[in-house]
Amino acid sequence: MRFRIGLAPFDRSRVVIGIARLRAYRDGRPRWRTRSVLEAVPGAFERCRLVVGDTLEPRA
């Protein structure tokens, strides 16, 4: 990646299991139980008040 991003991995029941900020040209650590990852601009999760343990709800 050539730019910074924020990552929020979540499990099968869409519960957030971690939040990380990645610097440019870095890889994230693998996590057990990760089903998918939500990517966003750095600081977006703090602005949305997303914390570990929150459940993500899909919207159309």
Protein backbone atom coordinates (compact mmCIF):
# COMPACT_ATOMS: atom_id res chain seq x y z
CA MET A 1 0.00 0.00 0.00
CA ARG A 2 1.34 3.43 -0.85
CA PHE A 3 -0.79 5.32 1.65
CA ARG A 4 -2.03 5.00 5.24
CA ILE A 5 -5.27 3.15 6.02
CA GLY A 6 -7.33 2.07 9.01
CA LEU A 7 -8.38 -1.57 9.38
CA ALA A 8 -11.12 -3.18 11.45
CA PRO A 9 -11.15 -6.98 11.26
CA PHE A 10 -14.38 -8.73 12.25
CA ASP A 11 -15.54 -12.32 12.80
CA ARG A 12 -18.41 -14.39 11.33
CA SER A 13 -21.02 -12.70 13.48
CA ARG A 14 -19.68 -9.26 12.38
CA VAL A 15 -18.22 -8.37 15.78
CA VAL A 16 -15.15 -6.10 15.55
CA ILE A 17 -12.13 -7.95 16.98
CA GLY A 18 -9.51 -5.23 16.55
CA ILE A 19 -8.69 -1.83 15.11
CA ALA A 20 -5.37 -0.92 13.52
CA ARG A 21 -3.76 1.91 11.61
CA LEU A 22 -1.28 0.89 8.96
CA ARG A 23 1.48 3.15 7.77
CA ALA A 24 2.42 3.32 4.12
CA TYR A 25 4.21 0.22 2.78
CA ARG A 26 3.35 -1.92 5.84
CA ASP A 27 1.36 -5.14 6.23
CA GLY A 28 -1.03 -5.95 9.05
CA ARG A 29 -0.61 -8.91 11.36
CA PRO A 30 -2.89 -11.88 10.73
CA ARG A 31 -5.53 -12.43 13.41
CA TRP A 32 -7.33 -15.62 14.34
CA ARG A 33 -11.11 -15.61 13.81
CA THR A 34 -10.94 -12.84 11.19
CA ARG A 35 -13.64 -13.37 8.58
CA SER A 36 -13.38 -10.03 6.76
CA VAL A 37 -11.76 -6.62 7.10
CA LEU A 38 -13.27 -3.15 6.86
CA GLU A 39 -10.86 -0.58 5.40
CA ALA A 40 -11.14 3.18 5.87
CA VAL A 41 -9.10 6.36 5.91
CA PRO A 42 -6.99 6.79 9.06
CA GLY A 43 -9.05 8.20 11.93
CA ALA A 44 -12.43 7.24 10.46
CA PHE A 45 -13.13 4.63 13.14
CA GLU A 46 -12.42 7.12 15.93
CA ARG A 47 -14.76 9.67 14.31
CA CYS A 48 -17.50 7.02 14.02
CA ARG A 49 -16.78 5.82 17.58
CA LEU A 50 -16.17 2.25 16.41
CA VAL A 51 -14.57 0.14 19.18
CA VAL A 52 -13.62 -3.49 19.67
CA GLY A 53 -16.74 -5.51 20.46
CA ASP A 54 -19.13 -3.45 18.31
CA THR A 55 -21.33 -5.37 15.89
CA LEU A 56 -21.37 -4.19 12.28
CA GLU A 57 -24.75 -3.94 10.63
CA PRO A 58 -24.95 -4.10 6.81
CA ARG A 59 -27.08 -1.45 5.14
CA ALA A 60 -28.26 -1.19 1.57
